[in-house]
Amino acid sequence: MVASLPEPPELIRRNFHGTRFAPPRYWPWEDVWLRYSTLDDVRVWADFLKQSLPSATDRFVASARKKIGRQFTYRLR
């Protein structure tokens, strides 16, 4: 979808030094932006999230539970 977006104005192209179509890389603390320009793009993102969020949520909760468990273990010692 990012590759299908129209070219940005020259000023933006110069400021970003050709990184416009690079796949976004996010740090764990950053907000994730789902780039889109058409309703079809939004539908694709919605399908992706519908398929991905349940397992991502399960992994997040399992990880959080492990961290919480470790915190309680450390406090008891």
C-alpha atoms as a PDB file:
ATOM      1  CA  MET A   1       0.000   0.000   0.000  1.00  0.00           C
ATOM      2  CA  VAL A   2       2.796   2.402   0.802  1.00  0.00           C
ATOM      3  CA  ALA A   3       4.213   1.953  -2.690  1.00  0.00           C
ATOM      4  CA  SER A   4       0.836   2.857  -4.213  1.00  0.00           C
ATOM      5  CA  LEU A   5       0.687   6.244  -2.498  1.00  0.00           C
ATOM      6  CA  PRO A   6       1.183   9.260  -4.784  1.00  0.00           C
ATOM      7  CA  GLU A   7       4.543  10.992  -4.922  1.00  0.00           C
ATOM      8  CA  PRO A   8       4.975  13.589  -2.162  1.00  0.00           C
ATOM      9  CA  PRO A   9       5.888  17.204  -2.940  1.00  0.00           C
ATOM     10  CA  GLU A  10       9.558  17.904  -3.731  1.00  0.00           C
ATOM     11  CA  LEU A  11      10.200  19.513  -0.327  1.00  0.00           C
ATOM     12  CA  ILE A  12       9.155  16.338   1.460  1.00  0.00           C
ATOM     13  CA  ARG A  13      11.206  14.135  -0.883  1.00  0.00           C
ATOM     14  CA  ARG A  14      14.302  16.242  -0.153  1.00  0.00           C
ATOM     15  CA  ASN A  15      13.731  16.174   3.619  1.00  0.00           C
ATOM     16  CA  PHE A  16      13.271  12.408   3.784  1.00  0.00           C
ATOM     17  CA  HIS A  17      16.171  11.546   1.433  1.00  0.00           C
ATOM     18  CA  GLY A  18      14.410   8.803  -0.524  1.00  0.00           C
ATOM     19  CA  THR A  19      12.983   6.908   2.435  1.00  0.00           C
ATOM     20  CA  ARG A  20       9.362   7.457   1.434  1.00  0.00           C
ATOM     21  CA  PHE A  21       8.729   3.921   0.205  1.00  0.00           C
ATOM     22  CA  ALA A  22      10.944   2.149   2.685  1.00  0.00           C
ATOM     23  CA  PRO A  23       8.990  -0.274   4.859  1.00  0.00           C
ATOM     24  CA  PRO A  24       8.331   1.448   8.150  1.00  0.00           C
ATOM     25  CA  ARG A  25      10.371   0.235  11.088  1.00  0.00           C
ATOM     26  CA  TYR A  26       8.939   0.900  14.507  1.00  0.00           C
ATOM     27  CA  TRP A  27      10.446   0.775  17.960  1.00  0.00           C
ATOM     28  CA  PRO A  28       8.323  -1.051  20.563  1.00  0.00           C
ATOM     29  CA  TRP A  29       7.278   2.242  22.188  1.00  0.00           C
ATOM     30  CA  GLU A  30       6.183   3.968  18.964  1.00  0.00           C
ATOM     31  CA  ASP A  31       2.691   4.354  17.593  1.00  0.00           C
ATOM     32  CA  VAL A  32       2.136   2.309  14.462  1.00  0.00           C
ATOM     33  CA  TRP A  33       0.588   4.150  11.541  1.00  0.00           C
ATOM     34  CA  LEU A  34      -1.278   2.081   8.979  1.00  0.00           C
ATOM     35  CA  ARG A  35      -0.720   4.030   5.779  1.00  0.00           C
ATOM     36  CA  TYR A  36      -3.562   4.095   3.294  1.00  0.00           C
ATOM     37  CA  SER A  37      -5.002   6.193   0.502  1.00  0.00           C
ATOM     38  CA  THR A  38      -8.094   4.305  -0.655  1.00  0.00           C
ATOM     39  CA  LEU A  39     -11.005   2.456   0.869  1.00  0.00           C
ATOM     40  CA  ASP A  40      -9.537  -0.773  -0.527  1.00  0.00           C
ATOM     41  CA  ASP A  41      -6.343  -0.072   1.449  1.00  0.00           C
ATOM     42  CA  VAL A  42      -8.427   0.281   4.608  1.00  0.00           C
ATOM     43  CA  ARG A  43     -10.141  -3.040   3.881  1.00  0.00           C
ATOM     44  CA  VAL A  44      -6.786  -4.762   3.431  1.00  0.00           C
ATOM     45  CA  TRP A  45      -5.558  -3.373   6.761  1.00  0.00           C
ATOM     46  CA  ALA A  46      -8.821  -4.423   8.434  1.00  0.00           C
ATOM     47  CA  ASP A  47      -8.450  -7.986   7.130  1.00  0.00           C
ATOM     48  CA  PHE A  48      -4.828  -8.061   8.266  1.00  0.00           C
ATOM     49  CA  LEU A  49      -5.740  -6.865  11.762  1.00  0.00           C
ATOM     50  CA  LYS A  50      -8.681  -9.257  11.986  1.00  0.00           C
ATOM     51  CA  GLN A  51      -6.303 -12.147  11.311  1.00  0.00           C
ATOM     52  CA  SER A  52      -3.317 -10.873  13.312  1.00  0.00           C
ATOM     53  CA  LEU A  53      -4.685  -9.242  16.439  1.00  0.00           C
ATOM     54  CA  PRO A  54      -5.967 -12.334  18.277  1.00  0.00           C
ATOM     55  CA  SER A  55      -2.582 -14.096  18.256  1.00  0.00           C
ATOM     56  CA  ALA A  56      -0.700 -10.839  18.862  1.00  0.00           C
ATOM     57  CA  THR A  57      -2.923 -10.148  21.865  1.00  0.00           C
ATOM     58  CA  ASP A  58      -2.379 -13.677  23.199  1.00  0.00           C
ATOM     59  CA  ARG A  59       1.408 -13.290  22.885  1.00  0.00           C
ATOM     60  CA  PHE A  60       1.304  -9.892  24.590  1.00  0.00           C
ATOM     61  CA  VAL A  61      -0.787 -11.173  27.512  1.00  0.00           C
ATOM     62  CA  ALA A  62       1.429 -14.258  27.946  1.00  0.00           C
ATOM     63  CA  SER A  63       4.537 -12.073  27.959  1.00  0.00           C
ATOM     64  CA  ALA A  64       2.995  -9.627  30.438  1.00  0.00           C
ATOM     65  CA  ARG A  65       1.988 -12.474  32.750  1.00  0.00           C
ATOM     66  CA  LYS A  66       5.547 -13.836  32.711  1.00  0.00           C
ATOM     67  CA  LYS A  67       6.935 -10.399  33.578  1.00  0.00           C
ATOM     68  CA  ILE A  68       4.419  -9.916  36.378  1.00  0.00           C
ATOM     69  CA  GLY A  69       5.219 -13.376  37.718  1.00  0.00           C
ATOM     70  CA  ARG A  70       8.931 -12.568  37.733  1.00  0.00           C
ATOM     71  CA  GLN A  71       8.283  -9.324  39.612  1.00  0.00           C
ATOM     72  CA  PHE A  72       6.360 -11.146  42.327  1.00  0.00           C
ATOM     73  CA  THR A  73       9.059 -13.825  42.527  1.00  0.00           C
ATOM     74  CA  TYR A  74      11.756 -11.189  42.986  1.00  0.00           C
ATOM     75  CA  ARG A  75       9.785  -9.413  45.711  1.00  0.00           C
ATOM     76  CA  LEU A  76       9.263 -12.603  47.690  1.00  0.00           C
ATOM     77  CA  ARG A  77      12.981 -13.366  47.881  1.00  0.00           C
END
